[in-house]
């Protein structure tokens, strides 16, 4: 599930949000999006495809957390 959502979000064909998504792993994508949303993206969080993208980022973030919690220690 993480890989599937990550591939959809990191695809360059997806216009939202307007930052380079190449060469980011799933965790980095979440971090870069959150950084963008906190600064440059503040004024755009409710426009265009950004709300749907943000929902998917939040879902990806939860899946990453679940995966980390369930990893053998």
Protein backbone atom coordinates (compact mmCIF):
# COMPACT_ATOMS: atom_id res chain seq x y z
CA UNK A 1 0.00 0.00 0.00
CA UNK A 2 2.83 2.40 0.85
CA UNK A 3 4.49 1.81 -2.52
CA UNK A 4 1.24 2.27 -4.42
CA UNK A 5 0.32 5.55 -2.73
CA UNK A 6 3.90 6.77 -2.95
CA UNK A 7 4.05 6.08 -6.71
CA UNK A 8 0.83 8.01 -7.27
CA UNK A 9 1.99 10.98 -5.19
CA UNK A 10 5.53 11.13 -6.55
CA UNK A 11 4.53 10.89 -10.20
CA UNK A 12 5.68 13.94 -12.14
CA UNK A 13 2.40 13.78 -14.04
CA UNK A 14 0.66 14.91 -10.85
CA UNK A 15 0.66 18.70 -10.86
CA UNK A 16 0.06 19.12 -7.14
CA UNK A 17 2.07 20.42 -5.36
CA UNK A 18 4.63 22.35 -7.41
CA UNK A 19 7.92 21.02 -6.05
CA UNK A 20 10.34 18.39 -7.35
CA UNK A 21 9.18 14.99 -6.18
CA UNK A 22 11.87 12.96 -7.94
CA UNK A 23 14.42 11.00 -5.93
CA UNK A 24 12.40 11.20 -2.70
CA UNK A 25 11.52 8.12 -0.69
CA UNK A 26 8.05 7.94 0.94
CA UNK A 27 9.22 9.44 4.25
CA UNK A 28 11.08 12.24 2.48
CA UNK A 29 8.04 13.00 0.33
CA UNK A 30 5.93 13.46 3.46
CA UNK A 31 8.58 15.72 5.03
CA UNK A 32 9.05 17.82 1.90
CA UNK A 33 5.29 18.23 1.49
CA UNK A 34 4.87 19.26 5.13
CA UNK A 35 7.72 21.78 4.77
CA UNK A 36 6.20 23.17 1.58
CA UNK A 37 2.74 23.37 3.17
CA UNK A 38 4.11 25.22 6.20
CA UNK A 39 5.84 27.87 4.10
CA UNK A 40 5.36 28.31 0.34
CA UNK A 41 2.16 26.27 0.19
CA UNK A 42 0.21 27.96 2.97
CA UNK A 43 -1.85 30.02 0.55
CA UNK A 44 -2.56 27.04 -1.73
CA UNK A 45 -3.68 24.33 0.69
CA UNK A 46 -7.35 24.76 -0.17
CA UNK A 47 -7.05 25.25 -3.94
CA UNK A 48 -6.85 22.93 -6.94
CA UNK A 49 -5.72 19.37 -6.26
CA UNK A 50 -3.87 20.23 -3.04
CA UNK A 51 -6.61 19.13 -0.57
CA UNK A 52 -6.79 15.66 -2.17
CA UNK A 53 -2.99 15.46 -2.32
CA UNK A 54 -2.81 16.45 1.36
CA UNK A 55 -5.29 13.70 2.29
CA UNK A 56 -3.14 11.16 0.47
CA UNK A 57 0.02 12.48 2.14
CA UNK A 58 -1.64 12.12 5.56
CA UNK A 59 -2.71 8.57 4.68
CA UNK A 60 0.83 7.76 3.54
CA UNK A 61 2.21 9.23 6.78
CA UNK A 62 -0.09 6.99 8.85
CA UNK A 63 0.87 3.90 6.84
CA UNK A 64 4.57 4.66 7.31
CA UNK A 65 4.02 5.02 11.06
CA UNK A 66 2.13 1.71 11.22
CA UNK A 67 4.87 0.01 9.21
CA UNK A 68 7.56 1.36 11.53
CA UNK A 69 5.63 0.31 14.65
CA UNK A 70 5.10 -3.21 13.35
CA UNK A 71 8.70 -3.74 12.18
CA UNK A 72 10.64 -6.38 14.10
CA UNK A 73 12.95 -4.91 16.69
